[in-house]
């Protein structure tokens, strides 16, 4: 089982009608202001391109919105996906069938120091200890925040699920009382911090970037089980005791 993460920075430059986007999605986009409309369409174009590349599906399948506001495919046999935005970058994470996906992205050092301090107030002592041990504390806070958000998007709870989640970054572990079978990988690049939360059975994560000419560039392939996945990367997995408590998951 694998996960597929692709991102796209800038203006798509192509009308959605030429990118196999259903009319219903184009009609919905017309209700939004210019900036939101552009991001909304860009995310769905990116998702359509990913579905075509991985599964050979030429038109984006019908989407529906869950009660928590999360978009999903109406056909439950199709894979789970997650969408995130950071500045003018759009990202889509796709989990292969049977898996779950949660994606979050943040611009490095985009938040003010005051906002960073407010975020720290909601963290656990273990999270704060890990942050204090890093060379760039603000980058580390952003990583923890991004990790949390990607997991909460996978579980579908959003900020309502904060009390259900505990991160143990120093030990490479996490605990979610809502979905006890998760792994998450987060990386801090010079500009962007991203975090992909996936089911623990996911063995590989493929990373791509797409340009405005719709050319795909492979960034890297990550073997999720390897201890060393990058100098700024952090991988957390569900505690074994959590998985054992829920054998049906």
Protein backbone atom coordinates (compact mmCIF):
# COMPACT_ATOMS: atom_id res chain seq x y z
CA UNK A 1 0.00 0.00 0.00
CA UNK A 2 1.27 3.47 -0.86
CA UNK A 3 0.42 7.13 -0.45
CA UNK A 4 0.81 9.74 -3.18
CA UNK A 5 1.50 13.41 -2.36
CA UNK A 6 1.61 15.99 -5.14
CA UNK A 7 1.84 19.77 -4.86
CA UNK A 8 1.47 22.63 -7.25
CA UNK A 9 2.57 26.23 -6.77
CA UNK A 10 1.22 29.18 -8.72
CA UNK A 11 -1.65 29.87 -11.11
CA UNK A 12 -2.89 26.82 -13.06
CA UNK A 13 -3.24 28.95 -16.20
CA UNK A 14 -5.74 26.54 -17.79
CA UNK A 15 -9.55 26.67 -17.66
CA UNK A 16 -11.13 23.87 -15.65
CA UNK A 17 -13.22 22.91 -18.70
CA UNK A 18 -10.02 21.71 -20.38
CA UNK A 19 -8.89 19.68 -17.37
CA UNK A 20 -11.74 17.14 -17.20
CA UNK A 21 -13.44 18.83 -14.24
CA UNK A 22 -17.21 18.15 -14.09
CA UNK A 23 -19.58 21.07 -14.68
CA UNK A 24 -21.01 20.75 -11.16
CA UNK A 25 -17.61 21.60 -9.65
CA UNK A 26 -17.14 24.54 -12.01
CA UNK A 27 -20.59 25.83 -11.06
CA UNK A 28 -19.76 25.58 -7.35
CA UNK A 29 -16.50 27.48 -7.89
CA UNK A 30 -18.41 30.45 -9.36
CA UNK A 31 -19.94 31.11 -5.93
CA UNK A 32 -16.55 31.94 -4.40
CA UNK A 33 -14.40 35.06 -4.43
CA UNK A 34 -11.48 35.07 -6.86
CA UNK A 35 -8.77 33.77 -4.51
CA UNK A 36 -10.88 31.00 -3.04
CA UNK A 37 -12.20 30.08 -6.49
CA UNK A 38 -8.68 29.69 -7.83
CA UNK A 39 -7.55 27.47 -4.94
CA UNK A 40 -10.76 25.42 -5.06
CA UNK A 41 -10.36 24.67 -8.77
CA UNK A 42 -6.59 24.16 -8.54
CA UNK A 43 -7.06 21.50 -5.84
CA UNK A 44 -9.63 19.62 -7.89
CA UNK A 45 -7.58 19.85 -11.06
CA UNK A 46 -4.62 18.48 -9.13
CA UNK A 47 -6.77 15.67 -7.73
CA UNK A 48 -8.06 14.88 -11.23
CA UNK A 49 -4.52 14.74 -12.59
CA UNK A 50 -3.45 12.44 -9.75
CA UNK A 51 -6.39 10.09 -10.31
CA UNK A 52 -5.56 9.96 -14.01
CA UNK A 53 -1.89 9.27 -13.34
CA UNK A 54 -2.42 6.58 -10.69
CA UNK A 55 -5.67 4.92 -11.81
CA UNK A 56 -6.15 5.98 -15.44
CA UNK A 57 -9.46 7.73 -14.64
CA UNK A 58 -9.86 10.48 -17.22
CA UNK A 59 -12.52 12.65 -15.53
CA UNK A 60 -12.66 13.56 -11.87
CA UNK A 61 -15.28 11.31 -10.21
CA UNK A 62 -18.22 12.90 -8.41
CA UNK A 63 -17.39 14.40 -5.02
CA UNK A 64 -19.52 14.82 -1.93
CA UNK A 65 -19.02 16.72 1.33
CA UNK A 66 -19.03 14.88 4.65
CA UNK A 67 -20.75 16.28 7.73
CA UNK A 68 -17.39 17.59 8.98
CA UNK A 69 -16.90 19.57 5.74
CA UNK A 70 -14.29 17.21 4.32
CA UNK A 71 -14.60 16.46 0.57
CA UNK A 72 -14.62 12.80 -0.45
CA UNK A 73 -15.49 10.70 -3.47
CA UNK A 74 -19.17 9.77 -3.64
CA UNK A 75 -18.12 6.25 -4.69
CA UNK A 76 -16.84 4.67 -1.47
CA UNK A 77 -14.74 2.20 -3.45
CA UNK A 78 -12.50 5.04 -4.62
CA UNK A 79 -9.48 6.06 -2.51
CA UNK A 80 -9.44 8.52 0.35
CA UNK A 81 -7.75 11.88 -0.22
CA UNK A 82 -6.93 15.09 1.61
CA UNK A 83 -6.39 18.63 0.35
CA UNK A 84 -4.28 21.40 1.91
CA UNK A 85 -3.24 24.96 1.06
CA UNK A 86 -0.25 27.05 2.14
CA UNK A 87 0.30 30.45 0.54
CA UNK A 88 -0.02 29.89 -3.21
CA UNK A 89 0.78 26.16 -2.93
CA UNK A 90 -1.94 23.52 -3.23
CA UNK A 91 -1.33 19.93 -2.13
CA UNK A 92 -3.25 16.67 -2.49
CA UNK A 93 -2.54 13.44 -0.61
CA UNK A 94 -4.08 10.23 -1.97
CA UNK A 95 -4.21 6.96 -0.04
CA UNK A 96 -4.52 3.71 -1.91
CA UNK A 97 -7.79 1.82 -1.46
CA UNK A 98 -8.59 0.93 2.10
CA UNK A 99 -6.21 3.53 3.54
CA UNK A 100 -6.92 6.91 5.12
CA UNK A 101 -5.22 10.24 4.38
CA UNK A 102 -4.71 13.56 6.13
CA UNK A 103 -2.56 16.38 4.71
CA UNK A 104 -1.50 19.70 6.16
CA UNK A 105 1.01 22.30 4.94
CA UNK A 106 2.36 25.50 6.49
CA UNK A 107 4.76 28.16 5.29
CA UNK A 108 7.91 28.21 7.44
CA UNK A 109 8.07 31.23 9.78
CA UNK A 110 4.81 32.63 8.35
CA UNK A 111 3.22 32.98 11.79
CA UNK A 112 4.11 35.80 14.14
CA UNK A 113 6.05 35.11 17.32
CA UNK A 114 2.90 35.91 19.32
CA UNK A 115 0.93 33.30 17.38
CA UNK A 116 3.73 30.77 17.84
CA UNK A 117 3.62 31.38 21.59
CA UNK A 118 -0.14 30.86 21.61
CA UNK A 119 0.30 27.54 19.80
CA UNK A 120 2.89 26.40 22.35
CA UNK A 121 0.42 26.99 25.20
CA UNK A 122 -1.74 24.14 23.92
CA UNK A 123 1.09 21.63 23.63
CA UNK A 124 2.08 18.85 26.01
CA UNK A 125 5.27 18.82 28.07
CA UNK A 126 6.72 16.12 25.78
CA UNK A 127 6.04 18.20 22.68
CA UNK A 128 7.57 21.30 24.26
CA UNK A 129 10.66 19.35 25.35
CA UNK A 130 11.17 18.15 21.77
CA UNK A 131 10.74 21.69 20.42
CA UNK A 132 13.30 23.06 22.89
CA UNK A 133 15.81 20.43 21.74
CA UNK A 134 15.66 21.59 18.10
CA UNK A 135 17.93 24.20 16.54
CA UNK A 136 15.04 26.26 15.13
CA UNK A 137 12.28 26.40 17.73
CA UNK A 138 9.79 28.24 15.50
CA UNK A 139 10.25 25.69 12.74
CA UNK A 140 9.76 22.91 15.30
CA UNK A 141 6.51 24.48 16.57
CA UNK A 142 5.29 24.61 12.97
CA UNK A 143 6.15 20.94 12.52
CA UNK A 144 4.20 19.93 15.63
CA UNK A 145 1.23 22.05 14.57
CA UNK A 146 1.29 20.58 11.04
CA UNK A 147 1.58 17.04 12.39
CA UNK A 148 -1.44 17.57 14.63
CA UNK A 149 -3.56 19.06 11.85
CA UNK A 150 -2.81 16.29 9.37
CA UNK A 151 -3.82 13.62 11.90
CA UNK A 152 -7.02 15.48 12.82
CA UNK A 153 -7.89 15.72 9.13
CA UNK A 154 -7.38 11.96 8.77
CA UNK A 155 -9.69 11.24 11.72
CA UNK A 156 -12.19 13.79 10.43
CA UNK A 157 -12.51 15.55 13.78
CA UNK A 158 -10.65 18.78 13.07
CA UNK A 159 -9.91 20.93 16.11
CA UNK A 160 -12.72 19.21 18.02
CA UNK A 161 -10.44 16.19 18.29
CA UNK A 162 -7.47 17.93 19.91
CA UNK A 163 -8.12 16.28 23.29
CA UNK A 164 -8.09 12.85 21.63
CA UNK A 165 -4.54 13.26 20.32
CA UNK A 166 -1.16 13.04 22.01
CA UNK A 167 2.18 13.35 20.21
CA UNK A 168 5.39 11.87 21.63
CA UNK A 169 7.93 13.20 19.10
CA UNK A 170 10.97 12.32 21.19
CA UNK A 171 9.91 8.66 21.10
CA UNK A 172 8.57 8.71 17.54
CA UNK A 173 5.10 7.78 18.78
CA UNK A 174 1.55 9.14 18.82
CA UNK A 175 -1.73 8.23 20.47
CA UNK A 176 -5.17 8.87 18.97
CA UNK A 177 -8.21 7.61 20.86
CA UNK A 178 -10.33 8.12 17.71
CA UNK A 179 -8.25 6.24 15.14
CA UNK A 180 -5.59 4.05 16.73
CA UNK A 181 -3.83 2.92 13.57
CA UNK A 182 -1.94 5.92 12.18
CA UNK A 183 1.53 6.85 11.01
CA UNK A 184 2.53 10.37 10.07
CA UNK A 185 5.60 11.84 8.41
CA UNK A 186 6.45 15.53 8.49
CA UNK A 187 9.29 17.36 6.78
CA UNK A 188 10.56 20.93 7.05
CA UNK A 189 11.87 22.33 3.78
CA UNK A 190 13.38 25.81 3.37
CA UNK A 191 9.95 27.33 2.62
CA UNK A 192 7.32 24.70 3.35
CA UNK A 193 6.48 22.36 6.22
CA UNK A 194 4.23 19.49 5.19
CA UNK A 195 2.78 16.51 7.03
CA UNK A 196 1.16 13.37 5.59
CA UNK A 197 -0.92 11.19 7.93
CA UNK A 198 -1.69 7.72 6.59
CA UNK A 199 -2.84 4.31 7.77
CA UNK A 200 -0.05 2.31 9.40
CA UNK A 201 -0.11 -0.31 6.61
CA UNK A 202 1.19 2.28 4.13
CA UNK A 203 4.69 1.21 3.13
CA UNK A 204 5.74 3.97 0.72
CA UNK A 205 5.02 7.64 0.15
CA UNK A 206 5.63 9.04 -3.34
CA UNK A 207 6.21 12.79 -3.59
CA UNK A 208 5.73 14.79 -6.77
CA UNK A 209 5.58 18.37 -7.90
CA UNK A 210 3.59 19.56 -10.92
CA UNK A 211 4.31 22.74 -12.87
CA UNK A 212 1.92 24.98 -14.81
CA UNK A 213 2.57 23.01 -18.00
CA UNK A 214 1.32 19.91 -16.14
CA UNK A 215 4.76 18.32 -16.19
CA UNK A 216 5.32 15.97 -13.27
CA UNK A 217 8.62 15.96 -11.42
CA UNK A 218 9.39 13.19 -8.96
CA UNK A 219 10.76 14.65 -5.73
CA UNK A 220 11.46 11.44 -3.84
CA UNK A 221 10.14 8.09 -2.66
CA UNK A 222 10.02 7.50 1.09
CA UNK A 223 10.05 4.04 2.64
CA UNK A 224 7.91 4.66 5.68
CA UNK A 225 9.51 1.96 7.82
CA UNK A 226 13.05 3.29 7.52
CA UNK A 227 14.40 5.13 10.58
CA UNK A 228 16.28 7.76 8.53
CA UNK A 229 13.93 9.48 6.07
CA UNK A 230 15.53 12.93 5.99
CA UNK A 231 17.54 15.39 8.10
CA UNK A 232 14.47 17.48 9.01
CA UNK A 233 11.87 14.72 8.73
CA UNK A 234 9.91 13.39 11.68
CA UNK A 235 7.90 10.16 11.61
CA UNK A 236 5.47 9.10 14.33
CA UNK A 237 3.56 5.83 14.61
CA UNK A 238 0.67 4.72 16.81
CA UNK A 239 1.67 3.14 20.09
CA UNK A 240 1.46 -0.68 19.89
CA UNK A 241 -0.83 -0.73 22.93
CA UNK A 242 -3.27 1.52 21.06
CA UNK A 243 -3.43 -0.85 18.11
CA UNK A 244 -3.84 -3.88 20.37
CA UNK A 245 -6.80 -2.29 22.08
CA UNK A 246 -8.61 -2.09 18.74
CA UNK A 247 -7.80 -5.29 16.81
CA UNK A 248 -10.73 -4.70 14.42
CA UNK A 249 -8.96 -1.62 13.02
